[in-house]
Amino acid sequence: MIEQQKRKAVHNGSKDEAVILKTLLESYSIQVFEDASLMSVFNPWGVLIGDVNSVKLKVRDNDYEKAKRIIDGFNAGVYDLLKKIT
């Protein structure tokens, strides 16, 4: 039987930003899992759908600290993804 490892969320945001962060984390050999499930809330007036464009990125528990450091660096501008490669 395959043991499922625990996963922790490292990002919750737009699909565009999630694609960039997923690629960045994978370049550091961190396996990333996407959770884009829609959350619905029922009310007397109809159904309210959660943010359709929201994506949660999760990593294995043992990669969490490394992934958070990389994402914090990205948010601080450490990685210049638009820099021209010459």
Protein backbone atom coordinates (compact mmCIF):
# COMPACT_ATOMS: atom_id res chain seq x y z
CA MET A 1 0.00 0.00 0.00
CA ILE A 2 1.31 3.44 -0.92
CA GLU A 3 1.55 5.79 2.03
CA GLN A 4 0.17 9.24 1.29
CA GLN A 5 2.48 11.93 2.60
CA LYS A 6 1.06 14.92 4.37
CA ARG A 7 0.91 18.09 2.34
CA LYS A 8 0.91 21.71 3.44
CA ALA A 9 -0.41 24.73 1.57
CA VAL A 10 2.28 27.25 0.62
CA HIS A 11 0.25 29.56 -1.62
CA ASN A 12 -3.36 30.52 -2.22
CA GLY A 13 -3.95 33.00 -5.01
CA SER A 14 -4.49 33.59 -8.70
CA LYS A 15 -3.94 30.92 -11.33
CA ASP A 16 -1.34 33.09 -13.09
CA GLU A 17 0.78 33.54 -9.97
CA ALA A 18 0.38 29.86 -9.08
CA VAL A 19 1.79 28.79 -12.46
CA ILE A 20 4.89 30.95 -11.91
CA LEU A 21 5.42 29.74 -8.34
CA LYS A 22 4.86 26.11 -9.29
CA THR A 23 7.49 26.35 -12.03
CA LEU A 24 9.92 28.08 -9.65
CA LEU A 25 9.45 25.47 -6.91
CA GLU A 26 9.78 22.59 -9.37
CA SER A 27 13.08 24.07 -10.59
CA TYR A 28 14.32 23.41 -7.02
CA SER A 29 13.10 19.78 -7.22
CA ILE A 30 10.07 20.41 -5.02
CA GLN A 31 6.99 18.48 -6.09
CA VAL A 32 3.94 20.77 -6.15
CA PHE A 33 0.29 19.78 -5.99
CA GLU A 34 -2.52 22.07 -7.20
CA ASP A 35 -5.88 22.30 -5.49
CA ALA A 36 -8.32 24.33 -7.57
CA SER A 37 -11.54 22.97 -6.11
CA LEU A 38 -14.42 25.40 -6.03
CA MET A 39 -16.07 26.05 -2.71
CA SER A 40 -19.82 26.58 -2.83
CA VAL A 41 -21.97 28.20 -0.19
CA PHE A 42 -25.71 27.69 -0.17
CA ASN A 43 -27.98 30.51 0.94
CA PRO A 44 -31.73 31.18 0.64
CA TRP A 45 -31.21 33.26 -2.53
CA GLY A 46 -29.11 30.83 -4.51
CA VAL A 47 -25.60 29.46 -4.63
CA LEU A 48 -22.51 31.61 -4.20
CA ILE A 49 -19.43 30.19 -5.88
CA GLY A 50 -15.99 30.88 -4.43
CA ASP A 51 -13.24 32.58 -6.40
CA VAL A 52 -13.18 30.69 -9.70
CA ASN A 53 -9.63 31.83 -10.43
CA SER A 54 -8.17 30.81 -7.05
CA VAL A 55 -5.56 28.05 -6.82
CA LYS A 56 -3.95 26.57 -3.72
CA LEU A 57 -0.45 25.12 -4.05
CA LYS A 58 0.61 22.37 -1.67
CA VAL A 59 3.96 20.69 -1.09
CA ARG A 60 5.06 17.68 0.92
CA ASP A 61 5.47 18.31 4.61
CA ASN A 62 9.25 17.80 4.46
CA ASP A 63 9.58 20.39 1.61
CA TYR A 64 7.44 23.05 3.32
CA GLU A 65 10.20 25.18 4.91
CA LYS A 66 12.31 25.22 1.73
CA ALA A 67 9.26 26.10 -0.39
CA LYS A 68 8.26 28.95 1.95
CA ARG A 69 11.80 30.42 1.78
CA ILE A 70 11.69 30.31 -2.03
CA ILE A 71 8.23 31.90 -2.18
CA ASP A 72 9.25 34.58 0.35
CA GLY A 73 12.28 35.31 -1.84
CA PHE A 74 10.06 35.55 -4.90
CA ASN A 75 7.74 37.99 -3.10
CA ALA A 76 10.76 40.05 -2.01
CA GLY A 77 11.99 40.31 -5.61
CA VAL A 78 14.99 38.00 -5.28
CA TYR A 79 14.11 36.18 -8.50
CA ASP A 80 14.02 38.40 -11.58
CA LEU A 81 11.93 36.25 -13.89
CA LEU A 82 11.84 38.91 -16.59
CA LYS A 83 15.63 39.28 -16.76
CA LYS A 84 16.96 38.71 -20.25
CA ILE A 85 19.21 35.70 -20.65
CA THR A 86 22.23 36.58 -22.77
